[in-house]
Amino acid sequence: MSAAVMEEQLLVALGTDADLSAAGCAAEAASPVGIIVRRGEHYRGAWSWNRGVYAFTPAGYSEATLNAETIDEALRVTRQIALK
């Protein structure tokens, strides 16, 4: 599938995750970056679909440091980073 389709699926999952929502986290599409994740006013990082995996670039980094092969894995990573 295309990057746009994969990122849209992750965006929906992030937006409907009860734990992230309860903590004040939000995700938004941000072309060409992918998906930006925030907690309140604080930028936590960005997800993008790259070479068959979801790649996460944390705030303050210029490159992805974490990968997730599935949406569930990407949600777990996002919770770990955004909720700490």
Protein backbone atom coordinates (compact mmCIF):
# COMPACT_ATOMS: atom_id res chain seq x y z
CA MET A 1 0.00 0.00 0.00
CA SER A 2 1.03 3.59 -0.47
CA ALA A 3 2.57 5.73 2.26
CA ALA A 4 -0.54 7.93 2.28
CA VAL A 5 -2.82 4.96 2.97
CA MET A 6 -0.55 3.50 5.67
CA GLU A 7 -0.16 6.87 7.39
CA GLU A 8 -3.92 7.48 7.27
CA GLN A 9 -4.53 4.14 8.99
CA LEU A 10 -2.05 5.03 11.73
CA LEU A 11 -3.52 8.52 12.08
CA VAL A 12 -6.97 7.05 12.70
CA ALA A 13 -5.57 4.58 15.25
CA LEU A 14 -3.67 7.31 17.10
CA GLY A 15 -6.72 9.57 17.12
CA THR A 16 -8.99 6.90 18.56
CA ASP A 17 -6.60 5.49 21.19
CA ALA A 18 -8.26 6.01 24.60
CA ASP A 19 -4.99 6.18 26.57
CA LEU A 20 -3.47 8.82 24.31
CA SER A 21 -6.66 10.87 24.21
CA ALA A 22 -7.06 10.77 28.00
CA ALA A 23 -3.51 12.10 28.37
CA GLY A 24 -4.16 15.03 26.04
CA CYS A 25 -2.26 13.64 23.08
CA ALA A 26 -3.19 14.49 19.52
CA ALA A 27 -1.98 13.37 16.12
CA GLU A 28 -2.27 15.32 12.90
CA ALA A 29 -1.26 14.82 9.30
CA ALA A 30 1.62 17.07 8.32
CA SER A 31 2.77 16.67 4.74
CA PRO A 32 5.52 15.89 3.85
CA VAL A 33 6.58 14.85 7.37
CA GLY A 34 3.85 12.27 7.94
CA ILE A 35 2.04 12.34 11.29
CA ILE A 36 2.96 14.74 14.07
CA VAL A 37 2.30 13.61 17.65
CA ARG A 38 1.77 16.18 20.40
CA ARG A 39 0.90 16.04 24.08
CA GLY A 40 -0.74 19.31 24.90
CA GLU A 41 1.52 22.01 23.46
CA HIS A 42 4.57 19.73 23.42
CA TYR A 43 5.78 18.12 20.21
CA ARG A 44 6.73 14.48 20.87
CA GLY A 45 7.77 13.37 17.39
CA ALA A 46 6.58 12.25 13.98
CA TRP A 47 5.64 8.99 12.31
CA SER A 48 6.10 8.25 8.63
CA TRP A 49 5.76 5.16 6.44
CA ASN A 50 9.19 4.36 5.05
CA ARG A 51 10.43 1.20 3.31
CA GLY A 52 7.68 -1.01 4.66
CA VAL A 53 7.72 0.11 8.30
CA TYR A 54 6.44 2.97 10.40
CA ALA A 55 9.45 5.11 11.33
CA PHE A 56 9.37 7.41 14.38
CA THR A 57 11.52 10.52 14.63
CA PRO A 58 11.49 11.85 18.20
CA ALA A 59 11.36 15.56 18.96
CA GLY A 60 14.82 17.09 18.60
CA TYR A 61 16.10 14.44 16.18
CA SER A 62 16.63 14.76 12.45
CA GLU A 63 16.27 11.03 11.71
CA ALA A 64 14.03 8.20 12.76
CA THR A 65 15.31 6.23 15.74
CA LEU A 66 12.47 3.74 16.18
CA ASN A 67 10.56 1.50 13.78
CA ALA A 68 7.27 -0.36 14.08
CA GLU A 69 6.06 -3.04 11.72
CA THR A 70 2.39 -2.81 12.73
CA ILE A 71 -0.08 -0.20 13.88
CA ASP A 72 -0.35 -1.89 17.28
CA GLU A 73 3.41 -1.69 17.69
CA ALA A 74 3.38 1.99 16.65
CA LEU A 75 0.67 2.67 19.25
CA ARG A 76 2.76 0.99 21.98
CA VAL A 77 5.82 3.05 21.02
CA THR A 78 3.76 6.25 20.94
CA ARG A 79 2.30 5.55 24.38
CA GLN A 80 5.77 4.89 25.82
CA ILE A 81 7.16 8.14 24.42
CA ALA A 82 4.20 10.49 24.69
CA LEU A 83 3.00 9.40 28.12
CA LYS A 84 6.28 9.58 30.02
